[in-house]
Amino acid sequence: MKTIWIALLPAVLAGCASGLGSGDYERKEARQAYEVKMGVVQHVRSVRLEGTDSSIGTVAGGAVGGIAGSEVGGGKGSYVGAVLGAVVGGLAGAAAEEVATRKPGLEVTVRLDTGRTLAVVQEDTGEKFAVGDRVRLLESGNQVRVTR
């Protein structure tokens, strides 16, 4: 049973991550007004978006580690094993969550029609941008996304 949980942990954590691409919106972003700015792509480069740290990995890893650690020794030894297992499992779970939720990203530099230049980082969802492409920037508050 412990092996199954350890094997499933990365898949569970990856399913908890939300997208950061040009077509990904949170529910609260629906029916919001976005200012649309037009521009031309000046530069595109691949980047890596760090994984999340939502405490899910820590809690899941701690639970699995605590259960596994409690199997070590008997009596008071099993209590010590459970505590140590929970601590080590929590650290391992947090690291596993960060790795499992990493995403490839793009940094797209756009020269706006106004002459202003912006660089926008977003998840690489397969939408292709090339130097010279005419694109739209959708801006709302501090959030900006590049799309066609």
C-alpha atoms as a PDB file:
ATOM      1  CA  MET A   1       0.000   0.000   0.000  1.00  0.00           C
ATOM      2  CA  LYS A   2       2.838   2.408   0.881  1.00  0.00           C
ATOM      3  CA  THR A   3       4.484   1.735  -2.466  1.00  0.00           C
ATOM      4  CA  ILE A   4       1.292   2.651  -4.313  1.00  0.00           C
ATOM      5  CA  TRP A   5       1.025   6.008  -2.479  1.00  0.00           C
ATOM      6  CA  ILE A   6       4.668   6.827  -3.159  1.00  0.00           C
ATOM      7  CA  ALA A   7       4.228   5.936  -6.832  1.00  0.00           C
ATOM      8  CA  LEU A   8       1.038   8.010  -7.166  1.00  0.00           C
ATOM      9  CA  LEU A   9       2.306  11.106  -5.321  1.00  0.00           C
ATOM     10  CA  PRO A  10       3.831  12.888  -8.384  1.00  0.00           C
ATOM     11  CA  ALA A  11       0.668  12.334 -10.451  1.00  0.00           C
ATOM     12  CA  VAL A  12      -1.562  13.665  -7.672  1.00  0.00           C
ATOM     13  CA  LEU A  13       0.641  16.727  -7.218  1.00  0.00           C
ATOM     14  CA  ALA A  14       0.782  17.451 -10.947  1.00  0.00           C
ATOM     15  CA  GLY A  15      -3.006  17.340 -11.091  1.00  0.00           C
ATOM     16  CA  CYS A  16      -3.184  20.065  -8.433  1.00  0.00           C
ATOM     17  CA  ALA A  17      -1.148  22.550 -10.477  1.00  0.00           C
ATOM     18  CA  SER A  18      -2.984  25.188 -12.463  1.00  0.00           C
ATOM     19  CA  GLY A  19      -1.958  26.336 -15.924  1.00  0.00           C
ATOM     20  CA  LEU A  20      -0.184  29.584 -16.713  1.00  0.00           C
ATOM     21  CA  GLY A  21      -0.544  29.620 -20.504  1.00  0.00           C
ATOM     22  CA  SER A  22      -2.237  32.149 -22.743  1.00  0.00           C
ATOM     23  CA  GLY A  23      -5.455  30.098 -22.792  1.00  0.00           C
ATOM     24  CA  ASP A  24      -5.604  29.329 -19.054  1.00  0.00           C
ATOM     25  CA  TYR A  25      -8.016  31.381 -16.967  1.00  0.00           C
ATOM     26  CA  GLU A  26      -9.141  31.052 -13.378  1.00  0.00           C
ATOM     27  CA  ARG A  27     -12.904  30.976 -12.890  1.00  0.00           C
ATOM     28  CA  LYS A  28     -12.833  34.426 -11.250  1.00  0.00           C
ATOM     29  CA  GLU A  29     -11.276  35.868 -14.438  1.00  0.00           C
ATOM     30  CA  ALA A  30     -14.402  35.130 -16.473  1.00  0.00           C
ATOM     31  CA  ARG A  31     -16.485  38.147 -17.435  1.00  0.00           C
ATOM     32  CA  GLN A  32     -13.592  40.500 -16.687  1.00  0.00           C
ATOM     33  CA  ALA A  33     -12.536  43.335 -18.981  1.00  0.00           C
ATOM     34  CA  TYR A  34      -9.043  43.090 -20.447  1.00  0.00           C
ATOM     35  CA  GLU A  35      -7.206  45.903 -22.138  1.00  0.00           C
ATOM     36  CA  VAL A  36      -6.005  44.664 -25.540  1.00  0.00           C
ATOM     37  CA  LYS A  37      -2.694  45.927 -26.869  1.00  0.00           C
ATOM     38  CA  MET A  38      -1.257  44.989 -30.247  1.00  0.00           C
ATOM     39  CA  GLY A  39       2.411  44.456 -30.986  1.00  0.00           C
ATOM     40  CA  VAL A  40       5.107  42.498 -32.784  1.00  0.00           C
ATOM     41  CA  VAL A  41       7.224  39.702 -31.272  1.00  0.00           C
ATOM     42  CA  GLN A  42      10.863  40.775 -30.953  1.00  0.00           C
ATOM     43  CA  HIS A  43      12.311  37.745 -29.155  1.00  0.00           C
ATOM     44  CA  VAL A  44      11.214  34.354 -27.802  1.00  0.00           C
ATOM     45  CA  ARG A  45      13.116  32.080 -25.443  1.00  0.00           C
ATOM     46  CA  SER A  46      12.319  28.969 -23.452  1.00  0.00           C
ATOM     47  CA  VAL A  47      12.268  29.214 -19.663  1.00  0.00           C
ATOM     48  CA  ARG A  48      11.328  26.902 -16.800  1.00  0.00           C
ATOM     49  CA  LEU A  49       8.505  27.827 -14.444  1.00  0.00           C
ATOM     50  CA  GLU A  50       9.280  26.679 -10.918  1.00  0.00           C
ATOM     51  CA  GLY A  51       6.929  24.204  -9.320  1.00  0.00           C
ATOM     52  CA  THR A  52       4.387  25.045  -6.658  1.00  0.00           C
ATOM     53  CA  ASP A  53       4.788  24.904  -2.903  1.00  0.00           C
ATOM     54  CA  SER A  54       1.218  24.441  -1.726  1.00  0.00           C
ATOM     55  CA  SER A  55       1.983  22.219   1.312  1.00  0.00           C
ATOM     56  CA  ILE A  56       0.138  19.313  -0.321  1.00  0.00           C
ATOM     57  CA  GLY A  57       3.443  17.550  -0.991  1.00  0.00           C
ATOM     58  CA  THR A  58       4.655  18.190   2.550  1.00  0.00           C
ATOM     59  CA  VAL A  59       1.481  16.822   4.136  1.00  0.00           C
ATOM     60  CA  ALA A  60       1.243  13.810   1.813  1.00  0.00           C
ATOM     61  CA  GLY A  61       4.947  13.022   2.175  1.00  0.00           C
ATOM     62  CA  GLY A  62       4.752  13.427   5.946  1.00  0.00           C
ATOM     63  CA  ALA A  63       1.806  11.043   6.171  1.00  0.00           C
ATOM     64  CA  VAL A  64       3.491   8.401   4.025  1.00  0.00           C
ATOM     65  CA  GLY A  65       6.805   8.865   5.854  1.00  0.00           C
ATOM     66  CA  GLY A  66       5.135   8.672   9.256  1.00  0.00           C
ATOM     67  CA  ILE A  67       3.355   5.447   8.376  1.00  0.00           C
ATOM     68  CA  ALA A  68       6.520   3.944   6.915  1.00  0.00           C
ATOM     69  CA  GLY A  69       8.605   5.102   9.890  1.00  0.00           C
ATOM     70  CA  SER A  70       6.192   3.595  12.402  1.00  0.00           C
ATOM     71  CA  GLU A  71       6.988   0.165  10.964  1.00  0.00           C
ATOM     72  CA  VAL A  72      10.584   0.507  12.209  1.00  0.00           C
ATOM     73  CA  GLY A  73      11.297  -1.089  15.570  1.00  0.00           C
ATOM     74  CA  GLY A  74       8.799  -1.813  18.280  1.00  0.00           C
ATOM     75  CA  GLY A  75       7.435   0.082  21.266  1.00  0.00           C
ATOM     76  CA  LYS A  76       9.049   3.509  21.665  1.00  0.00           C
ATOM     77  CA  GLY A  77      11.227   2.816  18.617  1.00  0.00           C
ATOM     78  CA  SER A  78       8.165   2.851  16.399  1.00  0.00           C
ATOM     79  CA  TYR A  79       7.176   6.297  17.761  1.00  0.00           C
ATOM     80  CA  VAL A  80      10.625   7.708  17.046  1.00  0.00           C
ATOM     81  CA  GLY A  81      10.558   6.088  13.610  1.00  0.00           C
ATOM     82  CA  ALA A  82       7.147   7.605  12.899  1.00  0.00           C
ATOM     83  CA  VAL A  83       8.316  11.107  13.848  1.00  0.00           C
ATOM     84  CA  LEU A  84      11.548  10.850  11.866  1.00  0.00           C
ATOM     85  CA  GLY A  85       9.687   9.282   8.954  1.00  0.00           C
ATOM     86  CA  ALA A  86       7.142  12.115   8.976  1.00  0.00           C
ATOM     87  CA  VAL A  87       9.868  14.791   8.961  1.00  0.00           C
ATOM     88  CA  VAL A  88      11.892  13.142   6.202  1.00  0.00           C
ATOM     89  CA  GLY A  89       8.723  12.294   4.269  1.00  0.00           C
ATOM     90  CA  GLY A  90       7.501  15.890   4.558  1.00  0.00           C
ATOM     91  CA  LEU A  91      10.769  17.238   3.155  1.00  0.00           C
ATOM     92  CA  ALA A  92      10.771  14.657   0.369  1.00  0.00           C
ATOM     93  CA  GLY A  93       7.102  15.356  -0.389  1.00  0.00           C
ATOM     94  CA  ALA A  94       7.718  19.104  -0.681  1.00  0.00           C
ATOM     95  CA  ALA A  95      10.626  18.476  -3.063  1.00  0.00           C
ATOM     96  CA  ALA A  96       8.544  15.995  -5.074  1.00  0.00           C
ATOM     97  CA  GLU A  97       5.704  18.528  -5.372  1.00  0.00           C
ATOM     98  CA  GLU A  98       8.058  21.220  -6.670  1.00  0.00           C
ATOM     99  CA  VAL A  99       9.554  18.865  -9.282  1.00  0.00           C
ATOM    100  CA  ALA A 100       6.194  17.365 -10.310  1.00  0.00           C
ATOM    101  CA  THR A 101       4.618  20.774 -10.885  1.00  0.00           C
ATOM    102  CA  ARG A 102       7.455  22.396 -12.852  1.00  0.00           C
ATOM    103  CA  LYS A 103       6.370  23.529 -16.306  1.00  0.00           C
ATOM    104  CA  PRO A 104       8.133  24.642 -19.469  1.00  0.00           C
ATOM    105  CA  GLY A 105       7.547  28.307 -20.188  1.00  0.00           C
ATOM    106  CA  LEU A 106       8.178  31.021 -22.749  1.00  0.00           C
ATOM    107  CA  GLU A 107       9.502  34.511 -22.337  1.00  0.00           C
ATOM    108  CA  VAL A 108       7.994  36.518 -25.196  1.00  0.00           C
ATOM    109  CA  THR A 109       9.327  40.035 -25.801  1.00  0.00           C
ATOM    110  CA  VAL A 110       6.818  42.219 -27.652  1.00  0.00           C
ATOM    111  CA  ARG A 111       7.231  45.721 -29.054  1.00  0.00           C
ATOM    112  CA  LEU A 112       3.828  47.356 -28.733  1.00  0.00           C
ATOM    113  CA  ASP A 113       2.386  49.639 -31.386  1.00  0.00           C
ATOM    114  CA  THR A 114       2.878  52.462 -28.858  1.00  0.00           C
ATOM    115  CA  GLY A 115       6.648  51.884 -28.976  1.00  0.00           C
ATOM    116  CA  ARG A 116       6.806  50.360 -25.495  1.00  0.00           C
ATOM    117  CA  THR A 117       8.511  46.952 -25.143  1.00  0.00           C
ATOM    118  CA  LEU A 118       7.286  44.276 -22.710  1.00  0.00           C
ATOM    119  CA  ALA A 119       8.578  40.815 -21.850  1.00  0.00           C
ATOM    120  CA  VAL A 120       5.880  38.381 -20.730  1.00  0.00           C
ATOM    121  CA  VAL A 121       6.564  34.977 -19.165  1.00  0.00           C
ATOM    122  CA  GLN A 122       3.842  32.348 -19.497  1.00  0.00           C
ATOM    123  CA  GLU A 123       3.490  28.576 -19.611  1.00  0.00           C
ATOM    124  CA  ASP A 124       4.438  26.954 -22.916  1.00  0.00           C
ATOM    125  CA  THR A 125       1.174  25.309 -23.974  1.00  0.00           C
ATOM    126  CA  GLY A 126       2.282  24.698 -27.541  1.00  0.00           C
ATOM    127  CA  GLU A 127       1.139  28.023 -28.973  1.00  0.00           C
ATOM    128  CA  LYS A 128       3.973  29.078 -31.286  1.00  0.00           C
ATOM    129  CA  PHE A 129       5.378  32.587 -31.332  1.00  0.00           C
ATOM    130  CA  ALA A 130       8.088  33.675 -33.775  1.00  0.00           C
ATOM    131  CA  VAL A 131       9.993  36.906 -34.240  1.00  0.00           C
ATOM    132  CA  GLY A 132       7.885  39.207 -36.427  1.00  0.00           C
ATOM    133  CA  ASP A 133       4.523  37.669 -35.457  1.00  0.00           C
ATOM    134  CA  ARG A 134       1.700  40.127 -34.842  1.00  0.00           C
ATOM    135  CA  VAL A 135       0.229  39.349 -31.395  1.00  0.00           C
ATOM    136  CA  ARG A 136      -2.238  40.634 -28.823  1.00  0.00           C
ATOM    137  CA  LEU A 137      -1.393  41.343 -25.207  1.00  0.00           C
ATOM    138  CA  LEU A 138      -4.324  40.997 -22.824  1.00  0.00           C
ATOM    139  CA  GLU A 139      -3.788  42.988 -19.659  1.00  0.00           C
ATOM    140  CA  SER A 140      -5.832  43.099 -16.467  1.00  0.00           C
ATOM    141  CA  GLY A 141      -4.246  44.470 -13.315  1.00  0.00           C
ATOM    142  CA  ASN A 142      -0.794  42.947 -12.985  1.00  0.00           C
ATOM    143  CA  GLN A 143      -1.582  40.013 -15.268  1.00  0.00           C
ATOM    144  CA  VAL A 144      -0.578  40.061 -18.923  1.00  0.00           C
ATOM    145  CA  ARG A 145      -0.783  37.253 -21.463  1.00  0.00           C
ATOM    146  CA  VAL A 146       0.400  37.027 -25.062  1.00  0.00           C
ATOM    147  CA  THR A 147      -1.959  35.447 -27.560  1.00  0.00           C
ATOM    148  CA  ARG A 148      -2.850  35.567 -31.231  1.00  0.00           C
END
